[in-house]
């Protein structure tokens, strides 16, 4: 029985967490935060190349951060699928305060202690980002029909914090690797439990075949 992309059952919903395409700040390794930096030409091409893969998942909805690098990325998928992009400011990137626009080397030189903890002193706390990202993702999941899929377009930090929260990973562990530009991760919720199915993917996976007894055993434990 295939559990991806079909055969999930009506109680499962999926969130496809898609990071925006490249910007000039990404290319220069600058902290973007909530600065509204647009996609560059590479980022636009990345969105156009990735969108057909995500359209093949037949999403029911598209949600996006209201920052232009995310909403432009989402718009490419919206035009391909005919779905309206719904903007949610809770999907914005972590606010970086005075770090925004600086390179990692500049931050390390100017704020060595804060850099070691990766905590901008006048920016947004990791816990606050995780709180709002998790809340947005739960709202989106709750709005889906049984078996539904939503593409959630955002930023590496915000998507990572939100995904970790849903999976029960403490905010300070950074157990999930980073998202590349225009890469995505897939989370599923079944019977109230969240699972990470794919992380930092750029193509669709092969279907996973799971024997019926395995599925039955899992069901009996949930």
N, C-alpha and C. Protein backbone atom coordinates (compact mmCIF):
# COMPACT_ATOMS: atom_id res chain seq x y z
N UNK A 1 0.85 -1.20 0.00
CA UNK A 1 0.00 0.00 0.00
C UNK A 1 0.88 1.24 0.00
N UNK A 2 0.66 2.15 -0.93
CA UNK A 2 1.47 3.35 -1.02
C UNK A 2 1.01 4.39 -0.02
N UNK A 3 1.94 4.97 0.72
CA UNK A 3 1.56 6.05 1.63
C UNK A 3 2.01 7.41 1.12
N UNK A 4 2.64 7.46 -0.07
CA UNK A 4 3.04 8.75 -0.66
C UNK A 4 3.20 8.59 -2.14
N UNK A 5 2.46 9.35 -2.98
CA UNK A 5 1.61 10.43 -2.57
C UNK A 5 0.15 10.04 -2.36
N UNK A 6 -0.22 8.76 -2.62
CA UNK A 6 -1.63 8.37 -2.48
C UNK A 6 -1.81 7.35 -1.38
N UNK A 7 -3.06 6.98 -1.12
CA UNK A 7 -3.35 5.92 -0.18
C UNK A 7 -3.28 6.29 1.28
N UNK A 8 -3.39 7.59 1.62
CA UNK A 8 -3.17 8.00 3.00
C UNK A 8 -4.40 7.81 3.88
N UNK A 9 -5.57 7.87 3.31
CA UNK A 9 -6.78 7.80 4.12
C UNK A 9 -7.28 9.19 4.44
N UNK A 10 -8.59 9.33 4.70
CA UNK A 10 -9.20 10.65 4.86
C UNK A 10 -8.78 11.39 6.13
N UNK A 11 -8.18 10.70 7.11
CA UNK A 11 -7.83 11.38 8.35
C UNK A 11 -6.48 12.09 8.26
N UNK A 12 -5.74 11.90 7.17
CA UNK A 12 -4.41 12.49 7.04
C UNK A 12 -4.48 13.80 6.28
N UNK A 13 -3.77 14.82 6.76
CA UNK A 13 -3.55 16.05 6.01
C UNK A 13 -2.05 16.27 5.90
N UNK A 14 -1.63 16.99 4.86
CA UNK A 14 -0.21 17.23 4.63
C UNK A 14 0.06 18.71 4.43
N UNK A 15 1.19 19.15 4.96
CA UNK A 15 1.71 20.48 4.72
C UNK A 15 3.02 20.36 3.97
N UNK A 16 3.11 21.01 2.84
CA UNK A 16 4.35 21.07 2.07
C UNK A 16 4.97 22.44 2.37
N UNK A 17 6.05 22.46 3.11
CA UNK A 17 6.70 23.69 3.54
C UNK A 17 7.77 24.05 2.51
N UNK A 18 7.52 25.12 1.76
CA UNK A 18 8.35 25.48 0.62
C UNK A 18 9.05 26.80 0.88
N UNK A 19 10.39 26.76 0.88
CA UNK A 19 11.15 27.99 1.06
C UNK A 19 11.20 28.76 -0.26
N UNK A 20 11.22 30.09 -0.14
CA UNK A 20 11.27 30.96 -1.31
C UNK A 20 12.55 30.76 -2.12
N UNK A 21 12.53 31.28 -3.34
CA UNK A 21 13.71 31.24 -4.20
C UNK A 21 14.79 32.22 -3.74
N UNK A 22 15.90 32.19 -4.44
CA UNK A 22 17.08 32.96 -4.05
C UNK A 22 16.86 34.47 -4.22
N UNK A 23 17.47 35.22 -3.30
CA UNK A 23 17.53 36.68 -3.38
C UNK A 23 19.00 37.09 -3.42
N UNK A 24 19.22 38.38 -3.68
CA UNK A 24 20.59 38.89 -3.64
C UNK A 24 21.19 38.72 -2.26
N UNK A 25 20.39 38.93 -1.21
CA UNK A 25 20.89 38.73 0.16
C UNK A 25 21.30 37.28 0.38
N UNK A 26 20.53 36.33 -0.15
CA UNK A 26 20.93 34.93 -0.02
C UNK A 26 22.27 34.69 -0.69
N UNK A 27 22.42 35.20 -1.90
CA UNK A 27 23.66 34.99 -2.65
C UNK A 27 24.85 35.60 -1.94
N UNK A 28 24.62 36.72 -1.24
CA UNK A 28 25.71 37.41 -0.53
C UNK A 28 25.81 36.96 0.92
N UNK A 29 24.96 36.00 1.32
CA UNK A 29 24.95 35.45 2.67
C UNK A 29 24.71 36.55 3.72
N UNK A 30 23.70 37.35 3.46
CA UNK A 30 23.30 38.40 4.38
C UNK A 30 22.05 37.97 5.15
N UNK A 31 21.94 38.42 6.39
CA UNK A 31 20.78 38.12 7.21
C UNK A 31 19.61 38.96 6.68
N UNK A 32 18.56 38.29 6.20
CA UNK A 32 17.44 39.02 5.61
C UNK A 32 16.39 39.43 6.64
N UNK A 33 16.03 38.49 7.51
CA UNK A 33 15.00 38.78 8.47
C UNK A 33 13.71 39.21 7.78
N UNK A 34 13.12 40.30 8.26
CA UNK A 34 11.87 40.78 7.69
C UNK A 34 12.08 41.93 6.70
N UNK A 35 13.33 42.17 6.30
CA UNK A 35 13.58 43.09 5.20
C UNK A 35 12.95 42.50 3.94
N UNK A 36 12.25 43.33 3.18
CA UNK A 36 11.48 42.81 2.04
C UNK A 36 12.34 42.79 0.79
N UNK A 37 13.24 41.82 0.75
CA UNK A 37 14.17 41.67 -0.37
C UNK A 37 13.52 40.80 -1.45
N UNK A 38 13.45 41.26 -2.69
CA UNK A 38 12.78 40.49 -3.73
C UNK A 38 13.64 39.33 -4.25
N UNK A 39 13.00 38.42 -4.98
CA UNK A 39 13.74 37.37 -5.67
C UNK A 39 14.65 37.98 -6.72
N UNK A 40 15.81 37.37 -6.91
CA UNK A 40 16.64 37.74 -8.06
C UNK A 40 16.29 36.84 -9.24
N UNK A 41 16.99 36.96 -10.34
CA UNK A 41 16.66 36.16 -11.54
C UNK A 41 16.83 34.67 -11.28
N UNK A 42 17.81 34.31 -10.46
CA UNK A 42 18.00 32.89 -10.13
C UNK A 42 16.81 32.39 -9.33
N UNK A 43 16.34 33.19 -8.37
CA UNK A 43 15.21 32.80 -7.55
C UNK A 43 13.94 32.61 -8.35
N UNK A 44 13.71 33.48 -9.33
CA UNK A 44 12.53 33.33 -10.19
C UNK A 44 12.62 32.04 -10.99
N UNK A 45 13.81 31.75 -11.51
CA UNK A 45 13.97 30.51 -12.26
C UNK A 45 13.77 29.29 -11.36
N UNK A 46 14.28 29.36 -10.14
CA UNK A 46 14.10 28.25 -9.20
C UNK A 46 12.62 27.99 -8.93
N UNK A 47 11.85 29.06 -8.74
CA UNK A 47 10.42 28.91 -8.48
C UNK A 47 9.71 28.28 -9.68
N UNK A 48 10.06 28.71 -10.86
CA UNK A 48 9.44 28.17 -12.07
C UNK A 48 9.79 26.71 -12.28
N UNK A 49 11.00 26.32 -11.89
CA UNK A 49 11.41 24.91 -12.04
C UNK A 49 10.78 24.02 -10.99
N UNK A 50 10.60 24.55 -9.77
CA UNK A 50 10.06 23.74 -8.68
C UNK A 50 8.54 23.62 -8.72
N UNK A 51 7.88 24.66 -9.20
CA UNK A 51 6.42 24.70 -9.13
C UNK A 51 5.72 23.50 -9.77
N UNK A 52 6.16 23.00 -10.93
CA UNK A 52 5.47 21.84 -11.51
C UNK A 52 5.50 20.61 -10.61
N UNK A 53 6.58 20.42 -9.86
CA UNK A 53 6.64 19.29 -8.93
C UNK A 53 5.56 19.43 -7.86
N UNK A 54 5.42 20.63 -7.32
CA UNK A 54 4.45 20.83 -6.26
C UNK A 54 3.02 20.81 -6.80
N UNK A 55 2.84 21.29 -8.02
CA UNK A 55 1.52 21.22 -8.64
C UNK A 55 1.09 19.76 -8.82
N UNK A 56 2.05 18.87 -9.05
CA UNK A 56 1.74 17.45 -9.23
C UNK A 56 1.17 16.82 -7.96
N UNK A 57 1.38 17.46 -6.80
CA UNK A 57 0.82 16.97 -5.55
C UNK A 57 -0.65 17.35 -5.39
N UNK A 58 -1.17 18.14 -6.34
CA UNK A 58 -2.57 18.55 -6.34
C UNK A 58 -2.97 19.22 -5.02
N UNK A 59 -2.30 20.31 -4.69
CA UNK A 59 -2.63 20.98 -3.42
C UNK A 59 -4.04 21.54 -3.44
N UNK A 60 -4.63 21.59 -2.26
CA UNK A 60 -5.96 22.18 -2.08
C UNK A 60 -5.87 23.67 -1.77
N UNK A 61 -4.71 24.12 -1.29
CA UNK A 61 -4.57 25.52 -0.90
C UNK A 61 -3.09 25.90 -0.91
N UNK A 62 -2.87 27.20 -1.09
CA UNK A 62 -1.51 27.76 -1.02
C UNK A 62 -1.53 28.92 -0.04
N UNK A 63 -0.66 28.87 0.95
CA UNK A 63 -0.50 29.95 1.92
C UNK A 63 0.93 30.47 1.82
N UNK A 64 1.10 31.76 2.10
CA UNK A 64 2.43 32.34 1.96
C UNK A 64 2.64 33.46 2.97
N UNK A 65 3.89 33.62 3.37
CA UNK A 65 4.34 34.84 4.03
C UNK A 65 4.00 36.02 3.12
N UNK A 66 3.76 37.19 3.74
CA UNK A 66 3.45 38.36 2.93
C UNK A 66 4.69 39.10 2.45
N UNK A 67 5.88 38.65 2.80
CA UNK A 67 7.10 39.24 2.25
C UNK A 67 7.23 38.83 0.79
N UNK A 68 7.70 39.74 -0.05
CA UNK A 68 7.59 39.55 -1.50
C UNK A 68 8.38 38.35 -2.02
N UNK A 69 9.50 38.01 -1.39
CA UNK A 69 10.27 36.88 -1.90
C UNK A 69 9.49 35.57 -1.77
N UNK A 70 8.64 35.49 -0.74
CA UNK A 70 7.80 34.31 -0.56
C UNK A 70 6.55 34.40 -1.41
N UNK A 71 5.87 35.54 -1.40
CA UNK A 71 4.62 35.65 -2.15
C UNK A 71 4.85 35.55 -3.65
N UNK A 72 5.99 36.03 -4.15
CA UNK A 72 6.31 35.87 -5.57
C UNK A 72 6.54 34.40 -5.90
N UNK A 73 7.25 33.71 -5.03
CA UNK A 73 7.46 32.26 -5.21
C UNK A 73 6.11 31.54 -5.23
N UNK A 74 5.27 31.87 -4.26
CA UNK A 74 3.95 31.24 -4.19
C UNK A 74 3.11 31.55 -5.41
N UNK A 75 3.25 32.77 -5.93
CA UNK A 75 2.47 33.17 -7.08
C UNK A 75 2.72 32.33 -8.32
N UNK A 76 3.96 31.86 -8.47
CA UNK A 76 4.28 30.99 -9.60
C UNK A 76 3.45 29.71 -9.53
N UNK A 77 3.36 29.13 -8.34
CA UNK A 77 2.55 27.92 -8.15
C UNK A 77 1.06 28.24 -8.28
N UNK A 78 0.66 29.40 -7.79
CA UNK A 78 -0.74 29.79 -7.89
C UNK A 78 -1.19 29.89 -9.34
N UNK A 79 -0.38 30.48 -10.19
CA UNK A 79 -0.75 30.60 -11.60
C UNK A 79 -0.81 29.24 -12.27
N UNK A 80 0.05 28.34 -11.84
CA UNK A 80 0.08 27.01 -12.45
C UNK A 80 -1.12 26.16 -12.04
N UNK A 81 -1.56 26.32 -10.80
CA UNK A 81 -2.65 25.49 -10.27
C UNK A 81 -4.02 26.17 -10.33
N UNK A 82 -4.02 27.48 -10.51
CA UNK A 82 -5.28 28.21 -10.46
C UNK A 82 -5.75 28.51 -9.05
N UNK A 83 -4.94 28.23 -8.05
CA UNK A 83 -5.30 28.49 -6.66
C UNK A 83 -4.90 29.90 -6.24
N UNK A 84 -5.73 30.52 -5.42
CA UNK A 84 -5.41 31.83 -4.86
C UNK A 84 -4.36 31.67 -3.76
N UNK A 85 -3.38 32.56 -3.75
CA UNK A 85 -2.38 32.56 -2.68
C UNK A 85 -2.93 33.36 -1.51
N UNK A 86 -3.00 32.72 -0.36
CA UNK A 86 -3.51 33.36 0.85
C UNK A 86 -2.33 33.80 1.72
N UNK A 87 -2.24 35.09 2.00
CA UNK A 87 -1.11 35.64 2.73
C UNK A 87 -1.33 35.58 4.23
N UNK A 88 -0.26 35.27 4.96
CA UNK A 88 -0.33 35.16 6.42
C UNK A 88 0.96 35.73 6.99
N UNK A 89 0.85 36.85 7.69
CA UNK A 89 2.05 37.50 8.24
C UNK A 89 2.74 36.66 9.30
N UNK A 90 2.05 35.67 9.88
CA UNK A 90 2.69 34.80 10.86
C UNK A 90 3.72 33.88 10.22
N UNK A 91 3.75 33.83 8.89
CA UNK A 91 4.74 33.02 8.18
C UNK A 91 5.97 33.84 7.79
N UNK A 92 6.06 35.08 8.25
CA UNK A 92 7.24 35.90 7.96
C UNK A 92 8.49 35.29 8.61
N UNK A 93 9.64 35.70 8.07
CA UNK A 93 10.91 35.27 8.65
C UNK A 93 11.13 35.91 10.02
N UNK A 94 12.05 35.35 10.74
CA UNK A 94 12.43 35.89 12.05
C UNK A 94 12.95 37.31 11.89
N UNK A 95 12.45 38.21 12.72
CA UNK A 95 12.95 39.58 12.71
C UNK A 95 14.36 39.63 13.26
N UNK A 96 15.27 40.26 12.51
CA UNK A 96 16.67 40.26 12.90
C UNK A 96 17.19 41.54 13.50
N UNK A 97 16.33 42.55 13.63
CA UNK A 97 16.79 43.80 14.22
C UNK A 97 17.99 44.36 13.46
N UNK A 98 19.03 44.75 14.21
CA UNK A 98 20.21 45.38 13.61
C UNK A 98 21.07 44.40 12.81
N UNK A 99 20.77 43.11 12.88
CA UNK A 99 21.51 42.14 12.07
C UNK A 99 21.09 42.17 10.60
N UNK A 100 19.91 42.66 10.32
CA UNK A 100 19.40 42.57 8.95
C UNK A 100 20.29 43.37 7.99
N UNK A 101 20.68 42.73 6.91
CA UNK A 101 21.56 43.32 5.92
C UNK A 101 23.03 43.01 6.14
N UNK A 102 23.38 42.47 7.31
CA UNK A 102 24.78 42.14 7.60
C UNK A 102 25.11 40.71 7.15
N UNK A 103 26.36 40.50 6.78
CA UNK A 103 26.82 39.14 6.49
C UNK A 103 27.11 38.41 7.79
N UNK A 104 27.23 37.09 7.70
CA UNK A 104 27.54 36.30 8.89
C UNK A 104 28.87 36.73 9.49
N UNK A 105 29.85 37.04 8.64
CA UNK A 105 31.16 37.48 9.14
C UNK A 105 31.04 38.80 9.89
N UNK A 106 30.22 39.71 9.39
CA UNK A 106 30.03 40.99 10.06
C UNK A 106 29.32 40.81 11.39
N UNK A 107 28.33 39.94 11.43
CA UNK A 107 27.62 39.68 12.69
C UNK A 107 28.57 39.08 13.72
N UNK A 108 29.40 38.14 13.28
CA UNK A 108 30.34 37.49 14.19
C UNK A 108 31.33 38.50 14.78
N UNK A 109 31.72 39.47 13.96
CA UNK A 109 32.68 40.47 14.43
C UNK A 109 32.03 41.48 15.37
N UNK A 110 30.82 41.91 15.04
CA UNK A 110 30.16 42.96 15.81
C UNK A 110 29.43 42.44 17.04
N UNK A 111 28.93 41.20 16.96
CA UNK A 111 28.11 40.63 18.05
C UNK A 111 28.57 39.21 18.37
N UNK A 112 29.81 39.05 18.84
CA UNK A 112 30.36 37.69 18.99
C UNK A 112 29.55 36.78 19.92
N UNK A 113 29.09 37.30 21.05
CA UNK A 113 28.35 36.44 21.98
C UNK A 113 26.97 36.09 21.43
N UNK A 114 26.28 37.08 20.89
CA UNK A 114 24.96 36.82 20.31
C UNK A 114 25.08 35.91 19.09
N UNK A 115 26.16 36.08 18.33
CA UNK A 115 26.37 35.24 17.15
C UNK A 115 26.53 33.77 17.56
N UNK A 116 27.24 33.52 18.64
CA UNK A 116 27.45 32.14 19.09
C UNK A 116 26.13 31.47 19.44
N UNK A 117 25.18 32.24 19.94
CA UNK A 117 23.85 31.70 20.28
C UNK A 117 22.86 31.88 19.14
N UNK A 118 23.29 32.58 18.09
CA UNK A 118 22.43 32.96 16.94
C UNK A 118 21.12 33.58 17.46
N UNK A 119 21.29 34.66 18.23
CA UNK A 119 20.15 35.34 18.85
C UNK A 119 20.35 36.84 18.71
N UNK A 120 19.78 37.47 17.68
CA UNK A 120 19.95 38.92 17.52
C UNK A 120 19.43 39.66 18.75
N UNK A 121 20.27 40.49 19.39
CA UNK A 121 19.89 41.09 20.67
C UNK A 121 18.67 41.99 20.61
N UNK A 122 18.42 42.63 19.46
CA UNK A 122 17.24 43.49 19.33
C UNK A 122 16.27 42.91 18.30
N UNK A 123 16.39 41.61 18.06
CA UNK A 123 15.51 40.95 17.11
C UNK A 123 14.47 40.09 17.81
N UNK A 124 13.91 39.18 17.04
CA UNK A 124 12.83 38.33 17.54
C UNK A 124 13.41 37.06 18.15
N UNK A 125 12.90 36.68 19.31
CA UNK A 125 13.36 35.46 19.98
C UNK A 125 12.92 34.23 19.20
N UNK A 126 13.74 33.19 19.26
CA UNK A 126 13.41 31.95 18.56
C UNK A 126 12.07 31.39 19.02
N UNK A 127 11.80 31.50 20.32
CA UNK A 127 10.55 30.97 20.86
C UNK A 127 9.34 31.69 20.27
N UNK A 128 9.47 32.99 20.06
CA UNK A 128 8.36 33.76 19.49
C UNK A 128 8.11 33.36 18.04
N UNK A 129 9.17 33.12 17.28
CA UNK A 129 9.01 32.69 15.90
C UNK A 129 8.35 31.32 15.86
N UNK A 130 8.81 30.42 16.72
CA UNK A 130 8.22 29.08 16.77
C UNK A 130 6.75 29.14 17.16
N UNK A 131 6.40 30.02 18.09
CA UNK A 131 5.01 30.15 18.53
C UNK A 131 4.11 30.52 17.35
N UNK A 132 4.49 31.57 16.62
CA UNK A 132 3.60 32.04 15.55
C UNK A 132 3.61 31.11 14.35
N UNK A 133 4.77 30.52 14.05
CA UNK A 133 4.83 29.60 12.92
C UNK A 133 4.01 28.35 13.18
N UNK A 134 4.16 27.80 14.39
CA UNK A 134 3.38 26.62 14.74
C UNK A 134 1.88 26.93 14.69
N UNK A 135 1.48 28.07 15.24
CA UNK A 135 0.07 28.43 15.24
C UNK A 135 -0.47 28.55 13.82
N UNK A 136 0.30 29.17 12.93
CA UNK A 136 -0.14 29.31 11.54
C UNK A 136 -0.27 27.95 10.87
N UNK A 137 0.70 27.09 11.09
CA UNK A 137 0.67 25.77 10.46
C UNK A 137 -0.50 24.93 10.96
N UNK A 138 -0.80 25.04 12.25
CA UNK A 138 -1.95 24.29 12.78
C UNK A 138 -3.25 24.84 12.22
N UNK A 139 -3.36 26.16 12.10
CA UNK A 139 -4.57 26.75 11.51
C UNK A 139 -4.78 26.24 10.09
N UNK A 140 -3.69 26.21 9.34
CA UNK A 140 -3.78 25.77 7.95
C UNK A 140 -4.18 24.30 7.89
N UNK A 141 -3.54 23.47 8.70
CA UNK A 141 -3.88 22.04 8.71
C UNK A 141 -5.33 21.82 9.10
N UNK A 142 -5.81 22.58 10.09
CA UNK A 142 -7.19 22.42 10.54
C UNK A 142 -8.20 22.86 9.48
N UNK A 143 -7.77 23.71 8.56
CA UNK A 143 -8.69 24.20 7.52
C UNK A 143 -8.83 23.23 6.35
N UNK A 144 -7.96 22.21 6.30
CA UNK A 144 -7.96 21.30 5.15
C UNK A 144 -9.01 20.21 5.29
N UNK A 145 -9.53 19.76 4.16
CA UNK A 145 -10.42 18.59 4.20
C UNK A 145 -9.60 17.33 4.47
N UNK A 146 -10.25 16.25 4.85
CA UNK A 146 -9.54 14.99 5.05
C UNK A 146 -8.81 14.58 3.78
N UNK A 147 -7.54 14.21 3.92
CA UNK A 147 -6.72 13.86 2.77
C UNK A 147 -6.17 15.07 2.03
N UNK A 148 -6.37 16.27 2.59
CA UNK A 148 -5.98 17.49 1.90
C UNK A 148 -4.49 17.80 2.01
N UNK A 149 -4.04 18.66 1.08
CA UNK A 149 -2.64 19.10 1.00
C UNK A 149 -2.61 20.61 0.87
N UNK A 150 -1.78 21.26 1.66
CA UNK A 150 -1.55 22.70 1.53
C UNK A 150 -0.07 22.95 1.33
N UNK A 151 0.26 23.85 0.42
CA UNK A 151 1.64 24.32 0.25
C UNK A 151 1.78 25.60 1.06
N UNK A 152 2.77 25.61 1.94
CA UNK A 152 3.01 26.75 2.84
C UNK A 152 4.36 27.35 2.45
N UNK A 153 4.33 28.56 1.90
CA UNK A 153 5.54 29.17 1.36
C UNK A 153 6.08 30.19 2.35
N UNK A 154 7.33 30.03 2.71
CA UNK A 154 7.89 30.92 3.71
C UNK A 154 9.40 30.98 3.63
N UNK A 155 10.02 30.98 4.80
CA UNK A 155 11.44 31.29 4.95
C UNK A 155 12.12 30.20 5.76
N UNK A 156 13.42 30.05 5.53
CA UNK A 156 14.14 28.96 6.17
C UNK A 156 14.01 28.91 7.68
N UNK A 157 14.19 30.06 8.34
CA UNK A 157 14.11 30.08 9.79
C UNK A 157 12.72 29.80 10.31
N UNK A 158 11.73 30.52 9.80
CA UNK A 158 10.36 30.38 10.26
C UNK A 158 9.83 28.97 9.98
N UNK A 159 10.03 28.46 8.78
CA UNK A 159 9.55 27.12 8.46
C UNK A 159 10.25 26.07 9.32
N UNK A 160 11.54 26.26 9.55
CA UNK A 160 12.27 25.29 10.37
C UNK A 160 11.79 25.27 11.81
N UNK A 161 11.59 26.46 12.40
CA UNK A 161 11.10 26.53 13.77
C UNK A 161 9.70 25.93 13.88
N UNK A 162 8.84 26.26 12.92
CA UNK A 162 7.48 25.73 12.96
C UNK A 162 7.42 24.23 12.83
N UNK A 163 8.20 23.70 11.88
CA UNK A 163 8.22 22.24 11.69
C UNK A 163 8.75 21.54 12.93
N UNK A 164 9.81 22.07 13.53
CA UNK A 164 10.37 21.45 14.73
C UNK A 164 9.35 21.42 15.85
N UNK A 165 8.60 22.51 16.01
CA UNK A 165 7.59 22.55 17.06
C UNK A 165 6.53 21.47 16.84
N UNK A 166 6.04 21.36 15.61
CA UNK A 166 5.02 20.35 15.33
C UNK A 166 5.53 18.94 15.61
N UNK A 167 6.82 18.73 15.36
CA UNK A 167 7.41 17.42 15.56
C UNK A 167 7.87 17.18 17.00
N UNK A 168 7.71 18.18 17.87
CA UNK A 168 8.08 18.02 19.27
C UNK A 168 9.57 18.17 19.53
N UNK A 169 10.28 18.84 18.63
CA UNK A 169 11.72 19.07 18.81
C UNK A 169 11.93 20.40 19.52
N UNK A 170 12.66 20.46 20.62
CA UNK A 170 12.88 21.72 21.33
C UNK A 170 13.49 22.79 20.43
N UNK A 171 13.12 24.04 20.68
CA UNK A 171 13.55 25.15 19.82
C UNK A 171 15.06 25.28 19.72
N UNK A 172 15.78 24.92 20.79
CA UNK A 172 17.21 25.18 20.83
C UNK A 172 18.07 24.04 20.27
N UNK A 173 17.46 22.96 19.80
CA UNK A 173 18.26 21.82 19.35
C UNK A 173 18.72 21.95 17.90
N UNK A 174 17.96 22.65 17.10
CA UNK A 174 18.29 22.80 15.67
C UNK A 174 18.56 21.44 15.03
N UNK A 175 17.68 20.49 15.32
CA UNK A 175 17.88 19.13 14.84
C UNK A 175 17.60 18.97 13.35
N UNK A 176 16.77 19.85 12.79
CA UNK A 176 16.50 19.79 11.36
C UNK A 176 17.55 20.60 10.60
N UNK A 177 18.04 20.04 9.52
CA UNK A 177 18.98 20.78 8.68
C UNK A 177 18.28 21.94 8.00
N UNK A 178 19.05 22.84 7.40
CA UNK A 178 18.46 24.03 6.77
C UNK A 178 17.71 23.70 5.48
N UNK A 179 16.85 24.62 5.08
CA UNK A 179 16.16 24.54 3.80
C UNK A 179 17.01 25.26 2.75
N UNK A 180 17.24 24.63 1.61
CA UNK A 180 17.83 25.35 0.48
C UNK A 180 16.78 26.21 -0.19
N UNK A 181 17.21 27.16 -0.99
CA UNK A 181 16.26 27.99 -1.71
C UNK A 181 15.38 27.15 -2.64
N UNK A 182 14.08 27.35 -2.52
CA UNK A 182 13.07 26.65 -3.32
C UNK A 182 13.07 25.14 -3.06
N UNK A 183 13.57 24.73 -1.92
CA UNK A 183 13.43 23.34 -1.48
C UNK A 183 12.24 23.24 -0.53
N UNK A 184 11.75 22.04 -0.35
CA UNK A 184 10.56 21.89 0.49
C UNK A 184 10.67 20.68 1.41
N UNK A 185 9.85 20.70 2.44
CA UNK A 185 9.71 19.56 3.35
C UNK A 185 8.23 19.23 3.45
N UNK A 186 7.93 17.98 3.75
CA UNK A 186 6.55 17.52 3.82
C UNK A 186 6.27 16.96 5.20
N UNK A 187 5.26 17.51 5.86
CA UNK A 187 4.80 17.02 7.16
C UNK A 187 3.40 16.45 6.98
N UNK A 188 3.12 15.37 7.66
CA UNK A 188 1.76 14.83 7.66
C UNK A 188 1.24 14.74 9.08
N UNK A 189 -0.07 14.93 9.21
CA UNK A 189 -0.73 14.76 10.51
C UNK A 189 -1.77 13.66 10.38
N UNK A 190 -1.61 12.65 11.21
CA UNK A 190 -2.56 11.53 11.22
C UNK A 190 -2.94 11.22 12.65
N UNK A 191 -4.22 11.27 12.92
CA UNK A 191 -4.73 11.00 14.27
C UNK A 191 -4.04 11.87 15.31
N UNK A 192 -3.80 13.13 14.94
CA UNK A 192 -3.21 14.09 15.87
C UNK A 192 -1.70 14.04 15.98
N UNK A 193 -1.05 13.11 15.29
CA UNK A 193 0.41 12.98 15.37
C UNK A 193 1.06 13.47 14.09
N UNK A 194 2.15 14.23 14.26
CA UNK A 194 2.87 14.78 13.11
C UNK A 194 4.08 13.92 12.77
N UNK A 195 4.34 13.80 11.47
CA UNK A 195 5.52 13.07 10.99
C UNK A 195 6.22 13.88 9.90
N UNK A 196 7.52 13.74 9.82
CA UNK A 196 8.30 14.35 8.75
C UNK A 196 8.50 13.30 7.67
N UNK A 197 7.92 13.54 6.50
CA UNK A 197 8.01 12.57 5.40
C UNK A 197 9.18 12.86 4.46
N UNK A 198 9.45 14.14 4.24
CA UNK A 198 10.56 14.55 3.37
C UNK A 198 11.14 15.83 3.94
N UNK A 199 12.45 16.02 3.78
CA UNK A 199 13.06 17.28 4.24
C UNK A 199 14.06 17.77 3.21
N UNK A 200 13.95 19.08 2.91
CA UNK A 200 14.85 19.76 1.98
C UNK A 200 14.90 19.04 0.63
N UNK A 201 13.73 18.68 0.13
CA UNK A 201 13.63 17.93 -1.12
C UNK A 201 13.56 18.89 -2.31
N UNK A 202 13.98 18.37 -3.47
CA UNK A 202 13.90 19.14 -4.70
C UNK A 202 13.21 18.40 -5.82
N UNK A 203 12.89 17.13 -5.59
CA UNK A 203 12.12 16.32 -6.53
C UNK A 203 11.14 15.49 -5.72
N UNK A 204 10.17 14.88 -6.41
CA UNK A 204 9.21 14.05 -5.71
C UNK A 204 9.83 12.69 -5.41
N UNK A 205 9.54 12.12 -4.23
CA UNK A 205 10.09 10.81 -3.87
C UNK A 205 9.37 9.69 -4.58
N UNK A 206 10.01 8.54 -4.63
CA UNK A 206 9.33 7.34 -5.09
C UNK A 206 8.31 6.92 -4.04
N UNK A 207 7.18 6.35 -4.47
CA UNK A 207 6.21 5.85 -3.48
C UNK A 207 6.85 4.84 -2.53
N UNK A 208 6.48 4.93 -1.27
CA UNK A 208 6.98 4.00 -0.26
C UNK A 208 5.95 2.90 -0.07
N UNK A 209 6.35 1.66 -0.25
CA UNK A 209 5.44 0.54 -0.08
C UNK A 209 5.58 0.01 1.34
N UNK A 210 4.48 0.00 2.06
CA UNK A 210 4.46 -0.47 3.45
C UNK A 210 3.52 -1.65 3.55
N UNK A 211 3.98 -2.80 4.04
CA UNK A 211 3.09 -3.95 4.17
C UNK A 211 1.90 -3.64 5.06
N UNK A 212 0.77 -4.24 4.75
CA UNK A 212 -0.45 -4.02 5.53
C UNK A 212 -0.27 -4.29 7.02
N UNK A 213 0.41 -5.38 7.44
CA UNK A 213 0.57 -5.63 8.88
C UNK A 213 1.26 -4.49 9.62
N UNK A 214 2.22 -3.81 8.92
CA UNK A 214 2.92 -2.70 9.56
C UNK A 214 1.95 -1.57 9.83
N UNK A 215 1.12 -1.24 8.82
CA UNK A 215 0.14 -0.18 9.00
C UNK A 215 -0.85 -0.51 10.12
N UNK A 216 -1.27 -1.76 10.17
CA UNK A 216 -2.22 -2.17 11.21
C UNK A 216 -1.59 -2.06 12.59
N UNK A 217 -0.32 -2.44 12.69
CA UNK A 217 0.36 -2.37 13.99
C UNK A 217 0.50 -0.92 14.44
N UNK A 218 0.82 -0.02 13.48
CA UNK A 218 0.93 1.39 13.83
C UNK A 218 -0.41 1.94 14.29
N UNK A 219 -1.47 1.56 13.59
CA UNK A 219 -2.80 2.06 13.95
C UNK A 219 -3.19 1.64 15.35
N UNK A 220 -2.81 0.44 15.73
CA UNK A 220 -3.20 -0.06 17.04
C UNK A 220 -2.47 0.65 18.17
N UNK A 221 -1.33 1.32 17.82
CA UNK A 221 -0.56 1.99 18.87
C UNK A 221 -0.93 3.47 18.99
N UNK A 222 -1.74 4.00 18.09
CA UNK A 222 -2.03 5.43 18.09
C UNK A 222 -3.36 5.74 18.74
